[in-house]
N, C-alpha and C. Protein backbone atom coordinates (compact mmCIF):
# COMPACT_ATOMS: atom_id res chain seq x y z
N MET A 1 -3.18 -2.51 -3.37
CA MET A 1 -2.10 -2.33 -4.03
C MET A 1 -1.08 -3.89 -3.55
N ASN A 2 -0.34 -3.81 -4.31
CA ASN A 2 0.90 -4.61 -3.86
C ASN A 2 1.18 -4.09 -3.17
N TRP A 3 2.06 -4.85 -2.15
CA TRP A 3 3.25 -4.69 -1.39
C TRP A 3 4.44 -4.49 -2.25
N ASN A 4 4.87 -4.33 -3.59
CA ASN A 4 5.89 -5.71 -3.93
C ASN A 4 6.22 -3.98 -4.41
N ILE A 5 5.15 -3.16 -4.41
CA ILE A 5 5.42 -1.65 -4.31
C ILE A 5 6.70 -0.76 -3.63
N ILE A 6 5.31 -0.38 -2.22
CA ILE A 6 6.32 -0.10 -1.20
C ILE A 6 6.79 -1.18 -1.34
N LYS A 7 7.61 -1.86 -1.51
CA LYS A 7 8.63 -2.16 -1.03
C LYS A 7 9.43 -1.76 -1.92
N GLY A 8 9.57 -2.13 -3.27
CA GLY A 8 10.32 -0.92 -3.67
C GLY A 8 10.61 0.06 -4.23
N ASN A 9 10.34 1.42 -2.88
CA ASN A 9 9.58 2.74 -2.95
C ASN A 9 10.33 2.60 -2.24
N TRP A 10 10.94 1.45 -1.16
CA TRP A 10 11.15 1.63 0.37
C TRP A 10 11.80 3.40 0.82
N LYS A 11 12.98 3.79 0.70
CA LYS A 11 13.78 4.64 0.77
C LYS A 11 13.19 5.96 -0.18
N GLN A 12 12.63 5.92 -1.04
CA GLN A 12 11.21 6.67 -0.47
C GLN A 12 10.41 7.55 0.12
N LEU A 13 9.96 5.77 0.91
CA LEU A 13 8.92 5.93 1.76
C LEU A 13 9.90 5.95 3.32
N THR A 14 10.45 6.13 3.69
CA THR A 14 10.94 6.02 4.54
C THR A 14 10.72 7.49 5.24
N GLY A 15 11.17 8.71 5.28
CA GLY A 15 10.82 9.86 6.01
C GLY A 15 8.75 9.55 6.50
N THR A 16 8.20 9.45 5.44
CA THR A 16 6.03 8.90 5.62
C THR A 16 5.75 7.87 6.53
N VAL A 17 7.18 6.51 6.99
CA VAL A 17 7.17 5.78 7.47
C VAL A 17 7.26 6.30 8.96
N GLN A 18 8.78 6.91 8.81
CA GLN A 18 9.33 7.60 9.73
C GLN A 18 7.88 8.47 10.52
N SER A 19 7.73 9.81 10.47
CA SER A 19 6.36 10.59 10.72
C SER A 19 4.99 9.22 10.74
N LYS A 20 3.99 8.44 10.17
CA LYS A 20 3.55 7.86 10.54
C LYS A 20 3.76 6.79 11.73
N TRP A 21 4.37 6.49 12.16
CA TRP A 21 5.51 5.25 13.00
C TRP A 21 6.45 5.86 14.29
N GLY A 22 6.68 7.31 15.10
CA GLY A 22 7.65 7.81 15.27
C GLY A 22 8.20 7.46 16.12
N GLU A 23 8.19 5.97 16.79
CA GLU A 23 8.23 5.81 18.08
C GLU A 23 9.87 4.43 17.18
N LEU A 24 9.67 4.27 15.47
CA LEU A 24 10.53 3.28 15.08
C LEU A 24 11.94 4.48 15.13
N THR A 25 12.87 3.88 15.50
CA THR A 25 14.30 4.61 15.18
C THR A 25 14.51 4.14 13.14
N ASP A 26 15.13 5.56 13.16
CA ASP A 26 15.62 5.72 11.69
C ASP A 26 16.33 3.87 11.11
N ASP A 27 17.59 3.89 11.71
CA ASP A 27 18.29 2.78 11.58
C ASP A 27 17.14 1.32 11.29
N GLU A 28 15.69 0.90 12.27
CA GLU A 28 15.31 0.14 12.12
C GLU A 28 14.21 -0.14 10.80
N ILE A 29 13.58 1.16 10.40
CA ILE A 29 13.43 1.55 9.57
C ILE A 29 13.85 1.17 7.58
N ASP A 30 15.46 1.90 8.14
CA ASP A 30 16.55 1.45 7.54
C ASP A 30 16.56 -0.54 7.03
N GLN A 31 16.26 -1.31 8.75
CA GLN A 31 16.14 -2.58 8.82
C GLN A 31 15.33 -3.14 8.04
N VAL A 32 14.29 -2.73 7.87
CA VAL A 32 12.92 -3.10 8.20
C VAL A 32 13.27 -2.85 5.70
N ALA A 33 13.34 -2.46 6.25
CA ALA A 33 14.02 -2.33 4.30
C ALA A 33 12.51 -3.30 3.31
N GLY A 34 11.62 -2.55 3.56
CA GLY A 34 9.72 -3.24 2.33
C GLY A 34 9.48 -4.15 2.72
N ASP A 35 10.23 -5.37 4.32
CA ASP A 35 9.70 -6.33 4.83
C ASP A 35 8.25 -6.36 5.69
N ARG A 36 7.84 -6.95 5.08
CA ARG A 36 6.46 -5.89 5.37
C ARG A 36 6.06 -6.79 7.10
N GLU A 37 6.87 -7.67 7.24
CA GLU A 37 6.17 -9.20 8.08
C GLU A 37 7.99 -8.09 9.64
N ARG A 38 8.84 -7.56 9.06
CA ARG A 38 9.75 -7.41 9.39
C ARG A 38 8.60 -5.81 10.75
N LEU A 39 7.84 -4.86 9.65
CA LEU A 39 7.61 -3.97 9.67
C LEU A 39 7.02 -4.31 10.63
N THR A 40 5.21 -4.65 10.32
CA THR A 40 4.48 -5.76 11.80
C THR A 40 5.17 -6.10 12.75
N GLY A 41 6.26 -7.06 13.23
CA GLY A 41 6.56 -7.61 14.29
C GLY A 41 7.26 -5.50 15.20
N LEU A 42 7.55 -4.53 14.50
CA LEU A 42 8.35 -3.79 15.30
C LEU A 42 7.18 -2.47 16.04
N ILE A 43 6.38 -2.66 14.86
CA ILE A 43 5.11 -1.60 15.33
C ILE A 43 4.35 -2.06 16.60
N GLN A 44 4.28 -3.96 16.70
CA GLN A 44 3.50 -4.24 17.48
C GLN A 44 4.23 -4.50 18.87
N GLU A 45 5.99 -4.19 18.60
CA GLU A 45 6.74 -4.11 19.77
C GLU A 45 6.93 -2.27 20.28
N ARG A 46 7.02 -1.63 19.39
CA ARG A 46 7.15 -0.31 20.22
C ARG A 46 5.61 -0.10 20.77
N TYR A 47 4.70 -0.51 20.41
CA TYR A 47 3.71 0.21 20.09
C TYR A 47 2.41 -0.93 20.92
N GLY A 48 2.92 -2.00 21.79
CA GLY A 48 2.21 -2.53 22.53
C GLY A 48 0.95 -2.66 21.75
N ILE A 49 0.63 -3.17 20.80
CA ILE A 49 -0.48 -4.05 19.73
C ILE A 49 -0.32 -4.63 19.30
N ALA A 50 -1.15 -5.47 18.93
CA ALA A 50 -1.61 -6.99 18.46
C ALA A 50 -1.43 -6.68 16.77
N LYS A 51 -1.46 -7.62 16.87
CA LYS A 51 -0.19 -8.61 15.74
C LYS A 51 -0.83 -7.73 14.29
N ASP A 52 -2.60 -8.18 14.29
CA ASP A 52 -3.65 -7.15 13.60
C ASP A 52 -4.20 -6.00 13.97
N GLU A 53 -3.65 -5.12 14.42
CA GLU A 53 -3.82 -3.79 15.05
C GLU A 53 -2.71 -3.37 14.19
N ALA A 54 -1.40 -3.91 14.43
CA ALA A 54 -0.55 -2.90 13.25
C ALA A 54 -0.72 -3.49 11.81
N GLU A 55 -1.26 -4.86 11.76
CA GLU A 55 -0.93 -4.50 10.06
C GLU A 55 -2.25 -4.19 9.95
N ARG A 56 -3.14 -3.97 9.78
CA ARG A 56 -4.40 -2.77 10.35
C ARG A 56 -3.43 -0.89 9.90
N GLN A 57 -2.86 -0.92 11.05
CA GLN A 57 -1.85 0.82 10.48
C GLN A 57 -1.79 0.43 9.55
N ILE A 58 -0.50 -0.49 8.70
CA ILE A 58 -0.34 -0.79 7.39
C ILE A 58 -0.60 -0.86 6.31
N ASP A 59 -2.09 -2.10 6.67
CA ASP A 59 -3.37 -1.30 5.40
C ASP A 59 -2.85 0.35 5.45
N ALA A 60 -4.02 0.76 5.93
CA ALA A 60 -4.01 2.14 5.69
C ALA A 60 -3.08 3.15 5.80
N PHE A 61 -1.59 2.49 5.97
CA PHE A 61 -1.01 3.17 5.43
C PHE A 61 -0.07 2.95 3.76
N VAL A 62 -1.05 1.47 3.43
CA VAL A 62 -0.78 1.39 1.97
C VAL A 62 -2.05 2.51 1.67
N ALA A 63 -3.77 2.34 1.76
CA ALA A 63 -3.92 3.54 1.40
C ALA A 63 -4.48 4.32 0.82
N GLU A 64 -3.15 4.62 1.74
CA GLU A 64 -3.20 6.27 2.02
C GLU A 64 -2.30 6.67 0.81
N TYR A 65 -0.92 6.09 0.29
CA TYR A 65 0.23 6.00 -0.25
C TYR A 65 -0.91 5.37 -1.66
N LYS A 66 -1.51 4.71 -1.90
CA LYS A 66 -2.30 4.28 -2.36
C LYS A 66 -3.53 6.33 -2.90
N SER A 67 -3.58 6.73 -2.05
CA SER A 67 -4.42 7.54 -2.75
C SER A 67 -3.34 8.72 -2.83
N ALA A 68 -2.09 8.90 -2.38
CA ALA A 68 -1.30 9.82 -2.64
C ALA A 68 -1.12 9.91 -4.09
N ALA A 69 -0.42 8.17 -4.65
CA ALA A 69 0.61 7.88 -6.06
C ALA A 69 -0.33 8.39 -7.05
């Protein structure tokens, strides 16, 4: 799935993002505004994980969104 679809639906997905990565604040999620790199960085920072792991989690999130759509 193209990340542009996620970016275009970001406002509708903020609740889902919050439930997936609960340590991110609402303000941080709003500031991400669908920017994948920014989301990756925040996940790395909050959860103390490597970039590869953060990207793997985001890929899994995209796959879940795709299967639900």
